[in-house]
């Protein structure tokens, strides 16, 4: 009976900690893709003012050699330490480290005539901190249940606690996965390059244009 009351108390405290009044866990530095699974003590460090932004760019280019443009973009992905998301005849999407985002865009703009360019950024700082809070609370709750498990005096109490621990373990892994995914999206920016083939006028077209320009010049002169 005592164990049951303690379990209910832990649940109430956990729910209260996840409420709207809970303060976001501070963040001192952006966690890299490889550091997500470090100790939860990491999430209790002093806060920083930097914002976490998921950046994306879509660039449309007109070129006489679209295949060459896509080939250059693919090479650029590996040169910047990134990877290829998608590649076909009309569009290529790559992900590169955020530190090279602006420079990569400048390089891509030199590959042809830019007909359209769109750069967007989504601020995910609050979402990231919220996930940190939830992860911290879940880990602390799991620790309380482990302590209660040592105090269990009946099979029913053990089974009840183990069921709750199993649920918490799934919840913790879910939060860690979301944090890792979000961290990766911030650390690696997405660039999509779309191409259209520039049509170079042939001899007949050039002759027609010359005649048209001459006639137009005569009318303007008169």
Foldseek 3Di string as FASTA:
>chain_A
DVLVVVLVVLVVVLVVCLDPPHDFQAADDQDALVRLPDDLVNSNDHHDDDWQKQKEKEWEFEEQCQVVLQVVVQVVQVVQPWHWDDDDSFKTKIKHFPVCVVVSVVVSCVPHPTPDMDMDMDTCRVVLRSLSSNLVSLVVSLVSLVVSCVVDDDPVSNVVSVVVNVVSVVVNVVSSVVNSVSSVSRRIYMYMYGYDYDDDDDPVRVVVVVVVVVVVVVVVVD
